[in-house]
Each structure stands twice: as C-alpha cells, then as structure tokens.
Amino acid sequence: RLTGLFFKELALSVKDVAITVLNP
C-alpha cells in the first residue's frame, strides 16, 4: 500500500512539475 501510494504521488507530482516547467 505504501509503495502504491508513493508511485501514485510520484506520478501526480511529475505531472505538476512538468506543467509548471512547460507553462512558466
């Protein structure tokens, strides 16, 4: 469960950071 939560949060965070980088 902890591993699954980590990978879910990792994917959401990567998306958020990518959107921020692509839209300064």
PDB file of all heavy atoms in Angstrom:
ATOM      1  N   ARG A   1       0.833  -1.208   0.000  1.00  0.00           N
ATOM      2  CA  ARG A   1       0.000   0.000   0.000  1.00  0.00           C
ATOM      3  C   ARG A   1       0.870   1.262   0.000  1.00  0.00           C
ATOM      4  O   ARG A   1       0.601   2.217  -0.730  1.00  0.00           O
ATOM      5  CB  ARG A   1      -0.903  -0.033   1.229  1.00  0.00           C
ATOM      6  CG  ARG A   1      -1.879   1.079   1.289  1.00  0.00           C
ATOM      7  CD  ARG A   1      -2.833   0.832   2.423  1.00  0.00           C
ATOM      8  NE  ARG A   1      -3.445   2.091   2.785  1.00  0.00           N
ATOM      9  CZ  ARG A   1      -4.468   2.198   3.569  1.00  0.00           C
ATOM     10  NH1 ARG A   1      -5.001   1.127   4.107  1.00  0.00           N
ATOM     11  NH2 ARG A   1      -4.977   3.362   3.853  1.00  0.00           N
ATOM     12  N   LEU A   2       1.927   1.283   0.824  1.00  0.00           N
ATOM     13  CA  LEU A   2       2.849   2.423   0.861  1.00  0.00           C
ATOM     14  C   LEU A   2       3.542   2.606  -0.478  1.00  0.00           C
ATOM     15  O   LEU A   2       3.646   3.726  -0.987  1.00  0.00           O
ATOM     16  CB  LEU A   2       3.885   2.230   1.978  1.00  0.00           C
ATOM     17  CG  LEU A   2       4.939   3.328   2.114  1.00  0.00           C
ATOM     18  CD1 LEU A   2       4.300   4.671   2.443  1.00  0.00           C
ATOM     19  CD2 LEU A   2       5.958   2.943   3.173  1.00  0.00           C
ATOM     20  N   THR A   3       3.979   1.508  -1.082  1.00  0.00           N
ATOM     21  CA  THR A   3       4.639   1.580  -2.395  1.00  0.00           C
ATOM     22  C   THR A   3       3.685   2.114  -3.460  1.00  0.00           C
ATOM     23  O   THR A   3       4.057   2.975  -4.264  1.00  0.00           O
ATOM     24  CB  THR A   3       5.168   0.190  -2.798  1.00  0.00           C
ATOM     25  OG1 THR A   3       6.068  -0.274  -1.787  1.00  0.00           O
ATOM     26  CG2 THR A   3       5.887   0.235  -4.137  1.00  0.00           C
ATOM     27  N   GLY A   4       2.457   1.628  -3.450  1.00  0.00           N
ATOM     28  CA  GLY A   4       1.465   2.113  -4.407  1.00  0.00           C
ATOM     29  C   GLY A   4       1.178   3.596  -4.225  1.00  0.00           C
ATOM     30  O   GLY A   4       1.086   4.348  -5.210  1.00  0.00           O
ATOM     31  N   LEU A   5       1.039   4.028  -2.974  1.00  0.00           N
ATOM     32  CA  LEU A   5       0.813   5.443  -2.697  1.00  0.00           C
ATOM     33  C   LEU A   5       1.978   6.286  -3.187  1.00  0.00           C
ATOM     34  O   LEU A   5       1.780   7.340  -3.792  1.00  0.00           O
ATOM     35  CB  LEU A   5       0.594   5.678  -1.199  1.00  0.00           C
ATOM     36  CG  LEU A   5       0.467   7.144  -0.773  1.00  0.00           C
ATOM     37  CD1 LEU A   5      -0.795   7.764  -1.357  1.00  0.00           C
ATOM     38  CD2 LEU A   5       0.488   7.264   0.739  1.00  0.00           C
ATOM     39  N   PHE A   6       3.200   5.809  -2.947  1.00  0.00           N
ATOM     40  CA  PHE A   6       4.379   6.562  -3.386  1.00  0.00           C
ATOM     41  C   PHE A   6       4.366   6.743  -4.904  1.00  0.00           C
ATOM     42  O   PHE A   6       4.574   7.852  -5.396  1.00  0.00           O
ATOM     43  CB  PHE A   6       5.677   5.879  -2.945  1.00  0.00           C
ATOM     44  CG  PHE A   6       6.888   6.548  -3.518  1.00  0.00           C
ATOM     45  CD1 PHE A   6       7.307   7.777  -3.020  1.00  0.00           C
ATOM     46  CD2 PHE A   6       7.578   5.982  -4.561  1.00  0.00           C
ATOM     47  CE1 PHE A   6       8.405   8.420  -3.559  1.00  0.00           C
ATOM     48  CE2 PHE A   6       8.685   6.616  -5.107  1.00  0.00           C
ATOM     49  CZ  PHE A   6       9.104   7.843  -4.602  1.00  0.00           C
ATOM     50  N   PHE A   7       4.122   5.663  -5.646  1.00  0.00           N
ATOM     51  CA  PHE A   7       4.142   5.782  -7.103  1.00  0.00           C
ATOM     52  C   PHE A   7       2.995   6.651  -7.624  1.00  0.00           C
ATOM     53  O   PHE A   7       3.160   7.380  -8.610  1.00  0.00           O
ATOM     54  CB  PHE A   7       4.163   4.403  -7.768  1.00  0.00           C
ATOM     55  CG  PHE A   7       5.518   3.768  -7.712  1.00  0.00           C
ATOM     56  CD1 PHE A   7       5.737   2.632  -6.965  1.00  0.00           C
ATOM     57  CD2 PHE A   7       6.598   4.330  -8.382  1.00  0.00           C
ATOM     58  CE1 PHE A   7       6.991   2.059  -6.891  1.00  0.00           C
ATOM     59  CE2 PHE A   7       7.859   3.774  -8.317  1.00  0.00           C
ATOM     60  CZ  PHE A   7       8.058   2.630  -7.568  1.00  0.00           C
ATOM     61  N   LYS A   8       1.850   6.604  -6.969  1.00  0.00           N
ATOM     62  CA  LYS A   8       0.740   7.485  -7.349  1.00  0.00           C
ATOM     63  C   LYS A   8       1.131   8.950  -7.130  1.00  0.00           C
ATOM     64  O   LYS A   8       0.961   9.795  -8.021  1.00  0.00           O
ATOM     65  CB  LYS A   8      -0.509   7.148  -6.532  1.00  0.00           C
ATOM     66  CG  LYS A   8      -1.678   8.061  -6.803  1.00  0.00           C
ATOM     67  CD  LYS A   8      -2.820   7.773  -5.845  1.00  0.00           C
ATOM     68  CE  LYS A   8      -3.342   9.103  -5.377  1.00  0.00           C
ATOM     69  NZ  LYS A   8      -3.952   9.137  -4.106  1.00  0.00           N
ATOM     70  N   GLU A   9       1.667   9.264  -5.941  1.00  0.00           N
ATOM     71  CA  GLU A   9       2.087  10.635  -5.638  1.00  0.00           C
ATOM     72  C   GLU A   9       3.236  11.076  -6.546  1.00  0.00           C
ATOM     73  O   GLU A   9       3.305  12.239  -6.939  1.00  0.00           O
ATOM     74  CB  GLU A   9       2.478  10.765  -4.172  1.00  0.00           C
ATOM     75  CG  GLU A   9       1.312  10.628  -3.220  1.00  0.00           C
ATOM     76  CD  GLU A   9       0.264  11.726  -3.392  1.00  0.00           C
ATOM     77  OE1 GLU A   9       0.626  12.876  -3.716  1.00  0.00           O
ATOM     78  OE2 GLU A   9      -0.923  11.425  -3.200  1.00  0.00           O
ATOM     79  N   LEU A  10       4.123  10.153  -6.864  1.00  0.00           N
ATOM     80  CA  LEU A  10       5.234  10.463  -7.781  1.00  0.00           C
ATOM     81  C   LEU A  10       4.696  10.880  -9.149  1.00  0.00           C
ATOM     82  O   LEU A  10       5.108  11.904  -9.706  1.00  0.00           O
ATOM     83  CB  LEU A  10       6.157   9.249  -7.913  1.00  0.00           C
ATOM     84  CG  LEU A  10       7.346   9.395  -8.845  1.00  0.00           C
ATOM     85  CD1 LEU A  10       8.333  10.418  -8.307  1.00  0.00           C
ATOM     86  CD2 LEU A  10       8.039   8.044  -9.021  1.00  0.00           C
ATOM     87  N   ALA A  11       3.745  10.117  -9.679  1.00  0.00           N
ATOM     88  CA  ALA A  11       3.172  10.442 -10.992  1.00  0.00           C
ATOM     89  C   ALA A  11       2.449  11.788 -10.968  1.00  0.00           C
ATOM     90  O   ALA A  11       2.621  12.611 -11.883  1.00  0.00           O
ATOM     91  CB  ALA A  11       2.214   9.334 -11.430  1.00  0.00           C
ATOM     92  N   LEU A  12       1.660  12.045  -9.924  1.00  0.00           N
ATOM     93  CA  LEU A  12       0.951  13.326  -9.824  1.00  0.00           C
ATOM     94  C   LEU A  12       1.936  14.493  -9.700  1.00  0.00           C
ATOM     95  O   LEU A  12       1.722  15.559 -10.299  1.00  0.00           O
ATOM     96  CB  LEU A  12      -0.004  13.310  -8.630  1.00  0.00           C
ATOM     97  CG  LEU A  12      -1.201  12.360  -8.741  1.00  0.00           C
ATOM     98  CD1 LEU A  12      -1.947  12.291  -7.405  1.00  0.00           C
ATOM     99  CD2 LEU A  12      -2.122  12.775  -9.869  1.00  0.00           C
ATOM    100  N   SER A  13       3.004  14.304  -8.949  1.00  0.00           N
ATOM    101  CA  SER A  13       3.988  15.371  -8.759  1.00  0.00           C
ATOM    102  C   SER A  13       4.782  15.636 -10.030  1.00  0.00           C
ATOM    103  O   SER A  13       5.063  16.796 -10.359  1.00  0.00           O
ATOM    104  CB  SER A  13       4.945  15.016  -7.623  1.00  0.00           C
ATOM    105  OG  SER A  13       4.244  14.953  -6.414  1.00  0.00           O
ATOM    106  N   VAL A  14       5.152  14.578 -10.741  1.00  0.00           N
ATOM    107  CA  VAL A  14       5.866  14.758 -12.007  1.00  0.00           C
ATOM    108  C   VAL A  14       4.993  15.547 -12.982  1.00  0.00           C
ATOM    109  O   VAL A  14       5.467  16.471 -13.659  1.00  0.00           O
ATOM    110  CB  VAL A  14       6.284  13.394 -12.608  1.00  0.00           C
ATOM    111  CG1 VAL A  14       6.709  13.533 -14.055  1.00  0.00           C
ATOM    112  CG2 VAL A  14       7.399  12.769 -11.783  1.00  0.00           C
ATOM    113  N   LYS A  15       3.710  15.221 -13.033  1.00  0.00           N
ATOM    114  CA  LYS A  15       2.778  15.951 -13.900  1.00  0.00           C
ATOM    115  C   LYS A  15       2.719  17.424 -13.509  1.00  0.00           C
ATOM    116  O   LYS A  15       2.800  18.307 -14.368  1.00  0.00           O
ATOM    117  CB  LYS A  15       1.388  15.323 -13.808  1.00  0.00           C
ATOM    118  CG  LYS A  15       0.333  16.049 -14.584  1.00  0.00           C
ATOM    119  CD  LYS A  15      -1.028  15.441 -14.337  1.00  0.00           C
ATOM    120  CE  LYS A  15      -2.096  16.391 -14.806  1.00  0.00           C
ATOM    121  NZ  LYS A  15      -3.372  16.171 -14.162  1.00  0.00           N
ATOM    122  N   ASP A  16       2.599  17.701 -12.211  1.00  0.00           N
ATOM    123  CA  ASP A  16       2.507  19.083 -11.732  1.00  0.00           C
ATOM    124  C   ASP A  16       3.778  19.869 -12.047  1.00  0.00           C
ATOM    125  O   ASP A  16       3.715  21.013 -12.516  1.00  0.00           O
ATOM    126  CB  ASP A  16       2.232  19.098 -10.230  1.00  0.00           C
ATOM    127  CG  ASP A  16       1.926  20.485  -9.713  1.00  0.00           C
ATOM    128  OD1 ASP A  16       1.126  21.200 -10.355  1.00  0.00           O
ATOM    129  OD2 ASP A  16       2.482  20.862  -8.664  1.00  0.00           O
ATOM    130  N   VAL A  17       4.935  19.264 -11.824  1.00  0.00           N
ATOM    131  CA  VAL A  17       6.205  19.947 -12.115  1.00  0.00           C
ATOM    132  C   VAL A  17       6.352  20.161 -13.618  1.00  0.00           C
ATOM    133  O   VAL A  17       6.776  21.239 -14.062  1.00  0.00           O
ATOM    134  CB  VAL A  17       7.404  19.159 -11.536  1.00  0.00           C
ATOM    135  CG1 VAL A  17       8.728  19.723 -12.033  1.00  0.00           C
ATOM    136  CG2 VAL A  17       7.360  19.183 -10.005  1.00  0.00           C
ATOM    137  N   ALA A  18       5.995  19.172 -14.420  1.00  0.00           N
ATOM    138  CA  ALA A  18       6.093  19.315 -15.875  1.00  0.00           C
ATOM    139  C   ALA A  18       5.198  20.438 -16.386  1.00  0.00           C
ATOM    140  O   ALA A  18       5.606  21.237 -17.238  1.00  0.00           O
ATOM    141  CB  ALA A  18       5.728  18.001 -16.557  1.00  0.00           C
ATOM    142  N   ILE A  19       3.981  20.531 -15.867  1.00  0.00           N
ATOM    143  CA  ILE A  19       3.074  21.610 -16.271  1.00  0.00           C
ATOM    144  C   ILE A  19       3.673  22.964 -15.904  1.00  0.00           C
ATOM    145  O   ILE A  19       3.617  23.918 -16.685  1.00  0.00           O
ATOM    146  CB  ILE A  19       1.677  21.424 -15.638  1.00  0.00           C
ATOM    147  CG1 ILE A  19       0.966  20.240 -16.277  1.00  0.00           C
ATOM    148  CG2 ILE A  19       0.837  22.685 -15.760  1.00  0.00           C
ATOM    149  CD1 ILE A  19      -0.312  19.814 -15.575  1.00  0.00           C
ATOM    150  N   THR A  20       4.275  23.052 -14.736  1.00  0.00           N
ATOM    151  CA  THR A  20       4.889  24.308 -14.297  1.00  0.00           C
ATOM    152  C   THR A  20       6.072  24.682 -15.186  1.00  0.00           C
ATOM    153  O   THR A  20       6.237  25.846 -15.555  1.00  0.00           O
ATOM    154  CB  THR A  20       5.341  24.194 -12.823  1.00  0.00           C
ATOM    155  OG1 THR A  20       4.188  23.902 -12.018  1.00  0.00           O
ATOM    156  CG2 THR A  20       5.972  25.480 -12.342  1.00  0.00           C
ATOM    157  N   VAL A  21       6.877  23.702 -15.553  1.00  0.00           N
ATOM    158  CA  VAL A  21       8.040  23.969 -16.416  1.00  0.00           C
ATOM    159  C   VAL A  21       7.594  24.378 -17.815  1.00  0.00           C
ATOM    160  O   VAL A  21       8.162  25.297 -18.418  1.00  0.00           O
ATOM    161  CB  VAL A  21       8.965  22.733 -16.479  1.00  0.00           C
ATOM    162  CG1 VAL A  21      10.007  22.866 -17.571  1.00  0.00           C
ATOM    163  CG2 VAL A  21       9.626  22.497 -15.124  1.00  0.00           C
ATOM    164  N   LEU A  22       6.590  23.708 -18.342  1.00  0.00           N
ATOM    165  CA  LEU A  22       6.118  23.997 -19.694  1.00  0.00           C
ATOM    166  C   LEU A  22       5.279  25.265 -19.779  1.00  0.00           C
ATOM    167  O   LEU A  22       5.078  25.805 -20.864  1.00  0.00           O
ATOM    168  CB  LEU A  22       5.316  22.807 -20.232  1.00  0.00           C
ATOM    169  CG  LEU A  22       6.129  21.520 -20.431  1.00  0.00           C
ATOM    170  CD1 LEU A  22       5.202  20.368 -20.785  1.00  0.00           C
ATOM    171  CD2 LEU A  22       7.206  21.709 -21.476  1.00  0.00           C
ATOM    172  N   ASN A  23       4.790  25.747 -18.648  1.00  0.00           N
ATOM    173  CA  ASN A  23       3.974  26.955 -18.622  1.00  0.00           C
ATOM    174  C   ASN A  23       4.556  27.910 -17.577  1.00  0.00           C
ATOM    175  O   ASN A  23       4.045  28.010 -16.461  1.00  0.00           O
ATOM    176  CB  ASN A  23       2.524  26.595 -18.279  1.00  0.00           C
ATOM    177  CG  ASN A  23       1.606  27.788 -18.326  1.00  0.00           C
ATOM    178  OD1 ASN A  23       2.007  28.883 -18.722  1.00  0.00           O
ATOM    179  ND2 ASN A  23       0.373  27.583 -17.896  1.00  0.00           N
ATOM    180  N   PRO A  24       5.643  28.613 -17.934  1.00  0.00           N
ATOM    181  CA  PRO A  24       6.315  29.467 -16.953  1.00  0.00           C
ATOM    182  C   PRO A  24       5.443  30.590 -16.390  1.00  0.00           C
ATOM    183  O   PRO A  24       5.746  31.129 -15.326  1.00  0.00           O
ATOM    184  CB  PRO A  24       7.495  30.063 -17.722  1.00  0.00           C
ATOM    185  CG  PRO A  24       7.569  29.357 -19.020  1.00  0.00           C
ATOM    186  CD  PRO A  24       6.276  28.626 -19.221  1.00  0.00           C
TER     187      PRO A  24
END
